[in-house]
Each structure stands twice: as structure tokens, then as C-alpha cells.
PDB file of N, CA and C in Angstrom:
ATOM      1  N   GLN A   1       1.050  -1.358   0.053  1.00  0.00           N
ATOM      2  CA  GLN A   1      -0.333  -0.014   0.023  1.00  0.00           C
ATOM      3  C   GLN A   1       0.889   1.270  -0.053  1.00  0.00           C
ATOM      4  N   VAL A   2       0.579   2.143  -0.864  1.00  0.00           N
ATOM      5  CA  VAL A   2       1.399   3.367  -1.052  1.00  0.00           C
ATOM      6  C   VAL A   2       1.018   4.165  -0.015  1.00  0.00           C
ATOM      7  N   GLN A   3       1.929   4.822   0.714  1.00  0.00           N
ATOM      8  CA  GLN A   3       1.822   5.858   1.705  1.00  0.00           C
ATOM      9  C   GLN A   3       2.438   7.128   1.750  1.00  0.00           C
ATOM     10  N   LEU A   4       2.077   8.429   1.600  1.00  0.00           N
ATOM     11  CA  LEU A   4       3.001   9.472   1.880  1.00  0.00           C
ATOM     12  C   LEU A   4       2.530  10.287   3.314  1.00  0.00           C
ATOM     13  N   VAL A   5       3.619  10.217   4.075  1.00  0.00           N
ATOM     14  CA  VAL A   5       3.271  10.643   5.355  1.00  0.00           C
ATOM     15  C   VAL A   5       3.988  12.062   5.277  1.00  0.00           C
ATOM     16  N   GLU A   6       3.441  13.122   5.679  1.00  0.00           N
ATOM     17  CA  GLU A   6       3.832  14.696   5.742  1.00  0.00           C
ATOM     18  C   GLU A   6       4.200  14.699   7.329  1.00  0.00           C
ATOM     19  N   SER A   7       5.058  15.203   7.457  1.00  0.00           N
ATOM     20  CA  SER A   7       5.279  16.212   9.010  1.00  0.00           C
ATOM     21  C   SER A   7       6.026  17.318   9.163  1.00  0.00           C
ATOM     22  N   GLY A   8       6.311  18.069  10.205  1.00  0.00           N
ATOM     23  CA  GLY A   8       6.708  19.453  10.250  1.00  0.00           C
ATOM     24  C   GLY A   8       5.596  20.715  10.065  1.00  0.00           C
ATOM     25  N   GLY A   9       4.638  20.420   9.950  1.00  0.00           N
ATOM     26  CA  GLY A   9       3.462  21.416  10.261  1.00  0.00           C
ATOM     27  C   GLY A   9       3.499  21.679  11.909  1.00  0.00           C
ATOM     28  N   GLY A  10       2.893  23.047  11.826  1.00  0.00           N
ATOM     29  CA  GLY A  10       2.553  23.661  12.840  1.00  0.00           C
ATOM     30  C   GLY A  10       2.756  24.913  12.966  1.00  0.00           C
ATOM     31  N   TRP A  11       3.029  25.516  14.152  1.00  0.00           N
ATOM     32  CA  TRP A  11       3.049  26.963  14.000  1.00  0.00           C
ATOM     33  C   TRP A  11       4.464  27.858  13.756  1.00  0.00           C
ATOM     34  N   GLY A  12       4.135  28.861  13.295  1.00  0.00           N
ATOM     35  CA  GLY A  12       5.380  29.589  12.522  1.00  0.00           C
ATOM     36  C   GLY A  12       5.059  31.101  12.657  1.00  0.00           C
ATOM     37  N   ARG A  13       6.121  31.872  13.058  1.00  0.00           N
ATOM     38  CA  ARG A  13       5.659  33.218  13.019  1.00  0.00           C
ATOM     39  C   ARG A  13       6.054  33.848  11.831  1.00  0.00           C
ATOM     40  N   ALA A  14       5.438  34.838  11.519  1.00  0.00           N
ATOM     41  CA  ALA A  14       5.589  35.501  10.148  1.00  0.00           C
ATOM     42  C   ALA A  14       7.170  36.031   9.961  1.00  0.00           C
ATOM     43  N   GLY A  15       7.774  35.759   9.046  1.00  0.00           N
ATOM     44  CA  GLY A  15       9.089  36.048   8.885  1.00  0.00           C
ATOM     45  C   GLY A  15      10.011  34.949   9.057  1.00  0.00           C
ATOM     46  N   GLY A  16       9.428  33.943  10.003  1.00  0.00           N
ATOM     47  CA  GLY A  16      10.228  32.873  10.223  1.00  0.00           C
ATOM     48  C   GLY A  16      10.315  31.509   9.324  1.00  0.00           C
ATOM     49  N   SER A  17      10.773  30.550   9.724  1.00  0.00           N
ATOM     50  CA  SER A  17      10.727  29.289   8.749  1.00  0.00           C
ATOM     51  C   SER A  17      10.032  27.916   9.315  1.00  0.00           C
ATOM     52  N   ARG A  18       9.919  26.938   8.275  1.00  0.00           N
ATOM     53  CA  ARG A  18       9.234  25.771   8.855  1.00  0.00           C
ATOM     54  C   ARG A  18       9.943  24.894   7.896  1.00  0.00           C
ATOM     55  N   ARG A  19      10.170  23.740   8.199  1.00  0.00           N
ATOM     56  CA  ARG A  19      10.564  22.656   7.146  1.00  0.00           C
ATOM     57  C   ARG A  19       9.620  21.601   7.302  1.00  0.00           C
ATOM     58  N   LEU A  20       8.771  21.242   6.187  1.00  0.00           N
ATOM     59  CA  LEU A  20       8.021  19.940   5.851  1.00  0.00           C
ATOM     60  C   LEU A  20       8.633  18.713   5.254  1.00  0.00           C
ATOM     61  N   SER A  21       8.293  17.678   5.554  1.00  0.00           N
ATOM     62  CA  SER A  21       9.038  16.488   5.499  1.00  0.00           C
ATOM     63  C   SER A  21       8.013  15.649   4.929  1.00  0.00           C
ATOM     64  N   CYS A  22       8.445  14.781   3.990  1.00  0.00           N
ATOM     65  CA  CYS A  22       7.290  13.843   3.234  1.00  0.00           C
ATOM     66  C   CYS A  22       7.921  12.613   2.926  1.00  0.00           C
ATOM     67  N   THR A  23       7.469  11.462   3.554  1.00  0.00           N
ATOM     68  CA  THR A  23       8.288  10.102   3.373  1.00  0.00           C
ATOM     69  C   THR A  23       7.166   9.281   2.909  1.00  0.00           C
ATOM     70  N   ALA A  24       7.716   8.808   1.629  1.00  0.00           N
ATOM     71  CA  ALA A  24       6.806   7.839   0.968  1.00  0.00           C
ATOM     72  C   ALA A  24       7.230   6.375   1.060  1.00  0.00           C
ATOM     73  N   SER A  25       5.863   5.607   0.925  1.00  0.00           N
ATOM     74  CA  SER A  25       6.782   4.067   1.415  1.00  0.00           C
ATOM     75  C   SER A  25       5.687   3.164   0.389  1.00  0.00           C
ATOM     76  N   GLY A  26       5.946   1.923   0.334  1.00  0.00           N
ATOM     77  CA  GLY A  26       4.763   0.970  -0.169  1.00  0.00           C
ATOM     78  C   GLY A  26       5.451   0.672  -1.869  1.00  0.00           C
ATOM     79  N   ARG A  27       6.171   1.512  -2.666  1.00  0.00           N
ATOM     80  CA  ARG A  27       6.849   1.408  -3.925  1.00  0.00           C
ATOM     81  C   ARG A  27       8.044   2.263  -4.094  1.00  0.00           C
ATOM     82  N   THR A  28       8.749   2.097  -5.277  1.00  0.00           N
ATOM     83  CA  THR A  28       9.891   2.730  -5.201  1.00  0.00           C
ATOM     84  C   THR A  28       9.198   4.159  -6.056  1.00  0.00           C
ATOM     85  N   PHE A  29       9.720   5.267  -5.534  1.00  0.00           N
ATOM     86  CA  PHE A  29       9.462   6.390  -6.074  1.00  0.00           C
ATOM     87  C   PHE A  29      10.635   7.106  -6.819  1.00  0.00           C
ATOM     88  N   SER A  30      11.424   6.325  -7.484  1.00  0.00           N
ATOM     89  CA  SER A  30      12.948   6.812  -7.734  1.00  0.00           C
ATOM     90  C   SER A  30      12.810   7.540  -9.525  1.00  0.00           C
ATOM     91  N   SER A  31      11.387   6.737  -9.894  1.00  0.00           N
ATOM     92  CA  SER A  31      10.962   7.617 -11.348  1.00  0.00           C
ATOM     93  C   SER A  31      10.122   8.842 -11.275  1.00  0.00           C
ATOM     94  N   ASP A  32       9.540   9.004  -9.963  1.00  0.00           N
ATOM     95  CA  ASP A  32       8.393   9.718 -10.013  1.00  0.00           C
ATOM     96  C   ASP A  32       8.945  11.294  -9.602  1.00  0.00           C
ATOM     97  N   ALA A  33       8.185  12.303 -10.016  1.00  0.00           N
ATOM     98  CA  ALA A  33       8.265  13.418  -9.668  1.00  0.00           C
ATOM     99  C   ALA A  33       7.510  13.357  -7.826  1.00  0.00           C
ATOM    100  N   MET A  34       7.989  14.222  -7.190  1.00  0.00           N
ATOM    101  CA  MET A  34       7.215  14.674  -6.056  1.00  0.00           C
ATOM    102  C   MET A  34       6.975  15.990  -5.711  1.00  0.00           C
ATOM    103  N   GLY A  35       6.206  16.417  -5.037  1.00  0.00           N
ATOM    104  CA  GLY A  35       5.538  18.016  -4.801  1.00  0.00           C
ATOM    105  C   GLY A  35       4.941  18.215  -3.545  1.00  0.00           C
ATOM    106  N   TRP A  36       4.708  19.274  -3.689  1.00  0.00           N
ATOM    107  CA  TRP A  36       3.794  20.123  -2.551  1.00  0.00           C
ATOM    108  C   TRP A  36       2.871  20.561  -3.008  1.00  0.00           C
ATOM    109  N   PHE A  37       1.642  20.649  -2.718  1.00  0.00           N
ATOM    110  CA  PHE A  37       0.495  21.280  -2.808  1.00  0.00           C
ATOM    111  C   PHE A  37       0.064  22.062  -1.690  1.00  0.00           C
ATOM    112  N   ARG A  38      -0.994  23.053  -1.407  1.00  0.00           N
ATOM    113  CA  ARG A  38      -1.187  23.652  -0.386  1.00  0.00           C
ATOM    114  C   ARG A  38      -3.066  23.835  -0.673  1.00  0.00           C
ATOM    115  N   GLN A  39      -3.864  23.971   0.225  1.00  0.00           N
ATOM    116  CA  GLN A  39      -5.080  24.349   0.303  1.00  0.00           C
ATOM    117  C   GLN A  39      -5.476  25.149   1.627  1.00  0.00           C
ATOM    118  N   ALA A  40      -6.022  26.487   1.417  1.00  0.00           N
ATOM    119  CA  ALA A  40      -6.286  27.284   2.553  1.00  0.00           C
ATOM    120  C   ALA A  40      -8.007  27.117   2.528  1.00  0.00           C
ATOM    121  N   PRO A  41      -8.317  27.509   3.869  1.00  0.00           N
ATOM    122  CA  PRO A  41      -9.789  27.464   4.041  1.00  0.00           C
ATOM    123  C   PRO A  41     -10.498  28.218   2.845  1.00  0.00           C
ATOM    124  N   GLY A  42     -11.215  27.733   2.258  1.00  0.00           N
ATOM    125  CA  GLY A  42     -12.417  28.257   1.367  1.00  0.00           C
ATOM    126  C   GLY A  42     -11.880  28.328  -0.093  1.00  0.00           C
ATOM    127  N   LYS A  43     -10.679  27.805  -0.242  1.00  0.00           N
ATOM    128  CA  LYS A  43      -9.862  28.085  -1.641  1.00  0.00           C
ATOM    129  C   LYS A  43      -9.678  26.644  -2.107  1.00  0.00           C
ATOM    130  N   GLU A  44      -9.099  26.810  -3.429  1.00  0.00           N
ATOM    131  CA  GLU A  44      -8.923  25.483  -4.089  1.00  0.00           C
ATOM    132  C   GLU A  44      -7.547  25.168  -3.832  1.00  0.00           C
ATOM    133  N   ARG A  45      -7.238  23.788  -3.844  1.00  0.00           N
ATOM    134  CA  ARG A  45      -6.034  23.331  -3.698  1.00  0.00           C
ATOM    135  C   ARG A  45      -4.968  23.725  -4.683  1.00  0.00           C
ATOM    136  N   GLU A  46      -3.763  24.220  -4.571  1.00  0.00           N
ATOM    137  CA  GLU A  46      -2.797  24.720  -5.370  1.00  0.00           C
ATOM    138  C   GLU A  46      -1.530  24.134  -5.455  1.00  0.00           C
ATOM    139  N   PHE A  47      -0.761  24.557  -6.546  1.00  0.00           N
ATOM    140  CA  PHE A  47       0.580  23.785  -6.583  1.00  0.00           C
ATOM    141  C   PHE A  47       1.354  24.681  -5.837  1.00  0.00           C
ATOM    142  N   VAL A  48       2.466  24.208  -5.098  1.00  0.00           N
ATOM    143  CA  VAL A  48       3.471  24.970  -4.177  1.00  0.00           C
ATOM    144  C   VAL A  48       5.092  24.659  -5.008  1.00  0.00           C
ATOM    145  N   ALA A  49       5.225  23.696  -5.149  1.00  0.00           N
ATOM    146  CA  ALA A  49       6.795  23.341  -5.747  1.00  0.00           C
ATOM    147  C   ALA A  49       6.854  21.684  -6.246  1.00  0.00           C
ATOM    148  N   SER A  50       7.511  21.294  -7.130  1.00  0.00           N
ATOM    149  CA  SER A  50       7.719  19.860  -7.034  1.00  0.00           C
ATOM    150  C   SER A  50       9.315  19.660  -7.463  1.00  0.00           C
ATOM    151  N   ILE A  51       9.609  18.592  -7.532  1.00  0.00           N
ATOM    152  CA  ILE A  51      11.189  17.953  -8.136  1.00  0.00           C
ATOM    153  C   ILE A  51      11.042  16.958  -9.018  1.00  0.00           C
ATOM    154  N   SER A  52      11.900  16.883  -9.574  1.00  0.00           N
ATOM    155  CA  SER A  52      12.026  15.805 -10.525  1.00  0.00           C
ATOM    156  C   SER A  52      12.669  14.495 -10.134  1.00  0.00           C
ATOM    157  N   TRP A  53      12.348  13.217 -10.323  1.00  0.00           N
ATOM    158  CA  TRP A  53      13.146  12.068  -9.826  1.00  0.00           C
ATOM    159  C   TRP A  53      14.218  12.451  -9.535  1.00  0.00           C
ATOM    160  N   SER A  54      15.232  12.644 -10.099  1.00  0.00           N
ATOM    161  CA  SER A  54      16.570  13.020 -10.087  1.00  0.00           C
ATOM    162  C   SER A  54      16.893  14.158  -9.023  1.00  0.00           C
ATOM    163  N   GLY A  55      15.778  14.999  -8.867  1.00  0.00           N
ATOM    164  CA  GLY A  55      16.082  15.914  -8.019  1.00  0.00           C
ATOM    165  C   GLY A  55      17.195  17.187  -8.463  1.00  0.00           C
ATOM    166  N   THR A  56      16.901  17.208  -9.991  1.00  0.00           N
ATOM    167  CA  THR A  56      17.889  18.072 -10.756  1.00  0.00           C
ATOM    168  C   THR A  56      16.877  19.254 -11.487  1.00  0.00           C
ATOM    169  N   SER A  57      15.770  18.990 -11.386  1.00  0.00           N
ATOM    170  CA  SER A  57      14.877  20.118 -11.691  1.00  0.00           C
ATOM    171  C   SER A  57      13.848  20.302 -10.613  1.00  0.00           C
ATOM    172  N   THR A  58      13.597  21.212 -10.551  1.00  0.00           N
ATOM    173  CA  THR A  58      12.835  21.900  -9.703  1.00  0.00           C
ATOM    174  C   THR A  58      11.587  22.907 -10.076  1.00  0.00           C
ATOM    175  N   TYR A  59      10.705  23.202  -9.751  1.00  0.00           N
ATOM    176  CA  TYR A  59       9.430  23.868 -10.072  1.00  0.00           C
ATOM    177  C   TYR A  59       8.887  24.534  -9.037  1.00  0.00           C
ATOM    178  N   TYR A  60       8.291  25.905  -9.066  1.00  0.00           N
ATOM    179  CA  TYR A  60       7.747  26.603  -7.943  1.00  0.00           C
ATOM    180  C   TYR A  60       6.529  27.480  -8.616  1.00  0.00           C
ATOM    181  N   ALA A  61       5.696  27.574  -7.807  1.00  0.00           N
ATOM    182  CA  ALA A  61       4.688  28.411  -7.773  1.00  0.00           C
ATOM    183  C   ALA A  61       5.413  30.023  -8.036  1.00  0.00           C
ATOM    184  N   ASP A  62       4.716  31.095  -8.769  1.00  0.00           N
ATOM    185  CA  ASP A  62       5.759  32.514  -8.672  1.00  0.00           C
ATOM    186  C   ASP A  62       5.539  32.949  -7.491  1.00  0.00           C
ATOM    187  N   SER A  63       4.422  32.776  -6.674  1.00  0.00           N
ATOM    188  CA  SER A  63       4.797  33.306  -5.408  1.00  0.00           C
ATOM    189  C   SER A  63       5.415  32.800  -4.354  1.00  0.00           C
ATOM    190  N   ASP A  64       5.866  31.898  -4.537  1.00  0.00           N
ATOM    191  CA  ASP A  64       6.860  31.051  -3.607  1.00  0.00           C
ATOM    192  C   ASP A  64       8.193  30.763  -3.984  1.00  0.00           C
ATOM    193  N   GLN A  65       8.708  30.820  -5.127  1.00  0.00           N
ATOM    194  CA  GLN A  65       9.893  30.473  -5.738  1.00  0.00           C
ATOM    195  C   GLN A  65      11.334  31.442  -4.885  1.00  0.00           C
ATOM    196  N   TYR A  66      10.991  32.285  -4.371  1.00  0.00           N
ATOM    197  CA  TYR A  66      12.037  32.955  -3.946  1.00  0.00           C
ATOM    198  C   TYR A  66      12.207  32.844  -2.328  1.00  0.00           C
ATOM    199  N   ARG A  67      11.212  32.121  -1.872  1.00  0.00           N
ATOM    200  CA  ARG A  67      11.169  32.111  -0.266  1.00  0.00           C
ATOM    201  C   ARG A  67      11.139  30.322   0.096  1.00  0.00           C
ATOM    202  N   PHE A  68      10.693  29.607  -0.677  1.00  0.00           N
ATOM    203  CA  PHE A  68      10.451  28.016  -0.605  1.00  0.00           C
ATOM    204  C   PHE A  68      11.465  27.379  -1.459  1.00  0.00           C
ATOM    205  N   THR A  69      12.071  26.059  -0.883  1.00  0.00           N
ATOM    206  CA  THR A  69      13.114  25.311  -1.468  1.00  0.00           C
ATOM    207  C   THR A  69      12.493  23.921  -1.319  1.00  0.00           C
ATOM    208  N   ILE A  70      12.445  23.325  -2.567  1.00  0.00           N
ATOM    209  CA  ILE A  70      12.023  21.902  -2.284  1.00  0.00           C
ATOM    210  C   ILE A  70      13.322  21.034  -2.697  1.00  0.00           C
ATOM    211  N   SER A  71      13.546  19.860  -2.200  1.00  0.00           N
ATOM    212  CA  SER A  71      14.774  19.013  -2.051  1.00  0.00           C
ATOM    213  C   SER A  71      14.084  17.574  -1.739  1.00  0.00           C
ATOM    214  N   ARG A  72      15.075  16.482  -2.056  1.00  0.00           N
ATOM    215  CA  ARG A  72      14.594  15.292  -1.911  1.00  0.00           C
ATOM    216  C   ARG A  72      15.730  14.440  -1.719  1.00  0.00           C
ATOM    217  N   ASN A  73      15.686  13.305  -1.222  1.00  0.00           N
ATOM    218  CA  ASN A  73      16.332  12.022  -0.784  1.00  0.00           C
ATOM    219  C   ASN A  73      16.294  11.181  -1.519  1.00  0.00           C
ATOM    220  N   ILE A  74      16.418  10.670  -2.578  1.00  0.00           N
ATOM    221  CA  ILE A  74      15.974   9.498  -3.281  1.00  0.00           C
ATOM    222  C   ILE A  74      16.075   8.289  -2.437  1.00  0.00           C
ATOM    223  N   ALA A  75      17.081   8.335  -1.611  1.00  0.00           N
ATOM    224  CA  ALA A  75      17.529   6.707  -1.000  1.00  0.00           C
ATOM    225  C   ALA A  75      16.389   6.647   0.307  1.00  0.00           C
ATOM    226  N   LYS A  76      16.000   7.993   0.869  1.00  0.00           N
ATOM    227  CA  LYS A  76      14.905   7.710   1.931  1.00  0.00           C
ATOM    228  C   LYS A  76      13.577   8.202   1.467  1.00  0.00           C
ATOM    229  N   ASN A  77      13.673   7.997   0.045  1.00  0.00           N
ATOM    230  CA  ASN A  77      11.916   8.453  -0.362  1.00  0.00           C
ATOM    231  C   ASN A  77      11.479   9.549   0.406  1.00  0.00           C
ATOM    232  N   THR A  78      12.313  10.680   0.578  1.00  0.00           N
ATOM    233  CA  THR A  78      11.305  11.512   1.217  1.00  0.00           C
ATOM    234  C   THR A  78      11.844  12.805   0.667  1.00  0.00           C
ATOM    235  N   VAL A  79      10.807  13.717   0.538  1.00  0.00           N
ATOM    236  CA  VAL A  79      11.143  15.089   0.030  1.00  0.00           C
ATOM    237  C   VAL A  79      10.730  16.090   1.140  1.00  0.00           C
ATOM    238  N   TYR A  80      11.560  16.988   1.054  1.00  0.00           N
ATOM    239  CA  TYR A  80      11.141  18.453   1.606  1.00  0.00           C
ATOM    240  C   TYR A  80      10.784  19.737   1.103  1.00  0.00           C
ATOM    241  N   LEU A  81      10.254  20.448   2.225  1.00  0.00           N
ATOM    242  CA  LEU A  81      10.049  21.606   1.762  1.00  0.00           C
ATOM    243  C   LEU A  81      10.574  22.850   2.740  1.00  0.00           C
ATOM    244  N   GLN A  82      11.332  23.521   2.681  1.00  0.00           N
ATOM    245  CA  GLN A  82      12.010  24.593   3.190  1.00  0.00           C
ATOM    246  C   GLN A  82      11.336  25.892   3.017  1.00  0.00           C
ATOM    247  N   MET A  83      10.444  26.569   4.004  1.00  0.00           N
ATOM    248  CA  MET A  83       9.840  27.572   3.725  1.00  0.00           C
ATOM    249  C   MET A  83      10.351  28.578   4.630  1.00  0.00           C
ATOM    250  N   ASN A  84      10.575  29.455   4.085  1.00  0.00           N
ATOM    251  CA  ASN A  84      11.356  30.984   4.731  1.00  0.00           C
ATOM    252  C   ASN A  84      10.668  32.242   4.643  1.00  0.00           C
ATOM    253  N   SER A  85      10.593  33.245   5.490  1.00  0.00           N
ATOM    254  CA  SER A  85      10.087  34.385   5.254  1.00  0.00           C
ATOM    255  C   SER A  85       8.663  34.256   5.230  1.00  0.00           C
ATOM    256  N   LEU A  86       8.205  33.258   6.222  1.00  0.00           N
ATOM    257  CA  LEU A  86       6.503  33.015   6.236  1.00  0.00           C
ATOM    258  C   LEU A  86       5.965  34.195   6.299  1.00  0.00           C
ATOM    259  N   LYS A  87       4.519  34.206   5.344  1.00  0.00           N
ATOM    260  CA  LYS A  87       3.749  35.440   5.251  1.00  0.00           C
ATOM    261  C   LYS A  87       2.588  35.062   5.693  1.00  0.00           C
ATOM    262  N   PRO A  88       1.668  35.971   6.281  1.00  0.00           N
ATOM    263  CA  PRO A  88       0.370  35.695   6.284  1.00  0.00           C
ATOM    264  C   PRO A  88      -0.499  34.943   5.718  1.00  0.00           C
ATOM    265  N   GLU A  89      -0.490  34.952   4.405  1.00  0.00           N
ATOM    266  CA  GLU A  89      -1.059  34.122   3.510  1.00  0.00           C
ATOM    267  C   GLU A  89      -0.552  33.036   3.121  1.00  0.00           C
ATOM    268  N   ASP A  90       0.590  32.401   4.070  1.00  0.00           N
ATOM    269  CA  ASP A  90       1.060  31.064   3.863  1.00  0.00           C
ATOM    270  C   ASP A  90       0.061  29.958   4.804  1.00  0.00           C
ATOM    271  N   PRO A  91      -0.427  30.273   5.401  1.00  0.00           N
ATOM    272  CA  PRO A  91      -1.142  29.040   6.256  1.00  0.00           C
ATOM    273  C   PRO A  91      -2.280  28.485   5.293  1.00  0.00           C
ATOM    274  N   ALA A  92      -2.147  27.027   5.577  1.00  0.00           N
ATOM    275  CA  ALA A  92      -2.738  26.241   4.853  1.00  0.00           C
ATOM    276  C   ALA A  92      -2.407  24.964   5.138  1.00  0.00           C
ATOM    277  N   VAL A  93      -3.230  23.640   4.676  1.00  0.00           N
ATOM    278  CA  VAL A  93      -2.775  22.144   4.713  1.00  0.00           C
ATOM    279  C   VAL A  93      -2.053  22.099   3.650  1.00  0.00           C
ATOM    280  N   TYR A  94      -0.546  21.491   3.946  1.00  0.00           N
ATOM    281  CA  TYR A  94       0.098  21.114   2.637  1.00  0.00           C
ATOM    282  C   TYR A  94       0.252  19.804   2.595  1.00  0.00           C
ATOM    283  N   TYR A  95      -0.171  19.451   1.339  1.00  0.00           N
ATOM    284  CA  TYR A  95      -0.196  18.271   0.932  1.00  0.00           C
ATOM    285  C   TYR A  95       1.132  17.891   0.026  1.00  0.00           C
ATOM    286  N   CYS A  96       1.729  16.448   0.474  1.00  0.00           N
ATOM    287  CA  CYS A  96       2.609  16.019  -0.297  1.00  0.00           C
ATOM    288  C   CYS A  96       2.104  15.122  -1.541  1.00  0.00           C
ATOM    289  N   ALA A  97       2.580  15.014  -2.647  1.00  0.00           N
ATOM    290  CA  ALA A  97       2.081  14.230  -3.746  1.00  0.00           C
ATOM    291  C   ALA A  97       3.289  13.682  -4.691  1.00  0.00           C
ATOM    292  N   ALA A  98       2.874  12.763  -5.345  1.00  0.00           N
ATOM    293  CA  ALA A  98       4.049  11.838  -6.179  1.00  0.00           C
ATOM    294  C   ALA A  98       3.414  11.158  -7.222  1.00  0.00           C
ATOM    295  N   GLY A  99       4.095  11.135  -8.271  1.00  0.00           N
ATOM    296  CA  GLY A  99       3.600  10.598  -9.097  1.00  0.00           C
ATOM    297  C   GLY A  99       4.369  10.972 -10.727  1.00  0.00           C
ATOM    298  N   PRO A 100       3.690  10.459 -12.001  1.00  0.00           N
ATOM    299  CA  PRO A 100       4.618  11.103 -13.205  1.00  0.00           C
ATOM    300  C   PRO A 100       4.375  12.520 -12.936  1.00  0.00           C
ATOM    301  N   PRO A 101       5.779  12.816 -13.704  1.00  0.00           N
ATOM    302  CA  PRO A 101       5.745  14.685 -13.700  1.00  0.00           C
ATOM    303  C   PRO A 101       4.077  15.155 -14.454  1.00  0.00           C
ATOM    304  N   GLY A 102       3.782  16.230 -13.613  1.00  0.00           N
ATOM    305  CA  GLY A 102       2.871  17.042 -13.872  1.00  0.00           C
ATOM    306  C   GLY A 102       1.460  16.352 -13.549  1.00  0.00           C
ATOM    307  N   ARG A 103       1.345  15.026 -13.241  1.00  0.00           N
ATOM    308  CA  ARG A 103       0.187  14.039 -12.788  1.00  0.00           C
ATOM    309  C   ARG A 103       0.295  13.332 -11.600  1.00  0.00           C
ATOM    310  N   PRO A 104       0.234  14.262 -10.455  1.00  0.00           N
ATOM    311  CA  PRO A 104       0.159  13.420  -8.951  1.00  0.00           C
ATOM    312  C   PRO A 104      -0.766  12.563  -9.237  1.00  0.00           C
ATOM    313  N   LYS A 105      -0.088  11.268  -8.463  1.00  0.00           N
ATOM    314  CA  LYS A 105      -1.090  10.290  -8.562  1.00  0.00           C
ATOM    315  C   LYS A 105      -1.487   9.579  -6.876  1.00  0.00           C
ATOM    316  N   TYR A 106      -0.228   9.825  -6.206  1.00  0.00           N
ATOM    317  CA  TYR A 106      -0.333   9.466  -4.602  1.00  0.00           C
ATOM    318  C   TYR A 106      -0.282  10.905  -3.818  1.00  0.00           C
ATOM    319  N   TRP A 107      -1.186  10.836  -3.018  1.00  0.00           N
ATOM    320  CA  TRP A 107      -1.424  12.009  -1.930  1.00  0.00           C
ATOM    321  C   TRP A 107      -1.280  11.760  -0.237  1.00  0.00           C
ATOM    322  N   GLY A 108      -0.408  12.483   0.148  1.00  0.00           N
ATOM    323  CA  GLY A 108      -0.718  12.550   1.741  1.00  0.00           C
ATOM    324  C   GLY A 108      -1.518  13.081   2.425  1.00  0.00           C
ATOM    325  N   GLN A 109      -1.653  12.692   3.664  1.00  0.00           N
ATOM    326  CA  GLN A 109      -2.913  13.481   4.246  1.00  0.00           C
ATOM    327  C   GLN A 109      -3.068  14.567   4.704  1.00  0.00           C
ATOM    328  N   GLY A 110      -1.711  15.276   4.682  1.00  0.00           N
ATOM    329  CA  GLY A 110      -1.610  16.864   4.553  1.00  0.00           C
ATOM    330  C   GLY A 110      -1.164  17.334   5.977  1.00  0.00           C
ATOM    331  N   THR A 111      -0.806  18.437   6.084  1.00  0.00           N
ATOM    332  CA  THR A 111      -0.066  18.815   7.628  1.00  0.00           C
ATOM    333  C   THR A 111      -0.412  20.291   7.376  1.00  0.00           C
ATOM    334  N   GLN A 112      -0.915  21.078   8.672  1.00  0.00           N
ATOM    335  CA  GLN A 112      -1.543  22.175   8.932  1.00  0.00           C
ATOM    336  C   GLN A 112      -0.485  23.111   9.195  1.00  0.00           C
ATOM    337  N   VAL A 113      -0.157  24.100   8.400  1.00  0.00           N
ATOM    338  CA  VAL A 113       0.467  25.071   8.552  1.00  0.00           C
ATOM    339  C   VAL A 113       0.225  26.749   9.119  1.00  0.00           C
ATOM    340  N   THR A 114       0.434  27.137  10.202  1.00  0.00           N
ATOM    341  CA  THR A 114      -0.389  28.148  10.653  1.00  0.00           C
ATOM    342  C   THR A 114       0.697  29.233  10.864  1.00  0.00           C
ATOM    343  N   VAL A 115       0.624  30.539  10.564  1.00  0.00           N
ATOM    344  CA  VAL A 115       1.614  31.502  10.966  1.00  0.00           C
ATOM    345  C   VAL A 115       0.978  32.451  11.911  1.00  0.00           C
ATOM    346  N   SER A 116       1.645  32.761  12.664  1.00  0.00           N
ATOM    347  CA  SER A 116       1.288  33.914  13.680  1.00  0.00           C
ATOM    348  C   SER A 116       1.971  35.026  13.152  1.00  0.00           C
ATOM    349  N   SER A 117       1.408  36.415  13.410  1.00  0.00           N
ATOM    350  CA  SER A 117       1.810  37.656  13.282  1.00  0.00           C
ATOM    351  C   SER A 117       2.839  38.374  14.533  1.00  0.00           C
TER     352      SER A 117
END
């Protein structure tokens, strides 16, 4: 059974940082892209960042590319999202995803990020 388990959510202060982690199990993800999406209350789920299976290509939403960094450890089947300079608009449930590039197939249960001013 494929599982993606996120961790690292919680409270962060505006201007501060948090690092999210997502560990995948149940299959080999070495050929899949992995990424992060988020969904704020009352809004649709939106793309945040993704990384290719090799880790050499990364993609970001325009609003996040200078504050967030995505990375992955292939051997550990883990992807990370380093979030810096947290903003009041960042609070959301952050979801990890994995699958063919551009077509997420597997999803985590989500982890809540809250930002205090």
C-alpha cells in the first residue's frame, strides 16, 4: 500500500521558517516526481513546488519561488519543503504528492501550517 506521510507542520511566526518533510513508502518512487500542494480554507488546492525524480529539476509557484526550496533524498524516499520568510497568506494544509511529472497520483493526508503575526 502506497503511503505518503507528511510532518513538520505547526505554528510559525511571520518572517520565520518551517521545514516540511514527506516520506513515501509502499513502492519505489525513484522515477516519479514529488511535490507539494496547499489548500487554504475556502480556496482550491494549489501547486507549491515539485522536483524531478533525479532532483535536478525543480519548479515553483511564482509566489513562492524565492522563499521556498524543495529537495529530495531518493535513498530515503523523502521530499522536503523549506519555507522561509513565512507570510500571513501561507497558512494552509500542505499536501505531499508523488507520481508522473505533472500528474500527481499519490497524496499524503496533509499537514497544517499556521503563521502567527
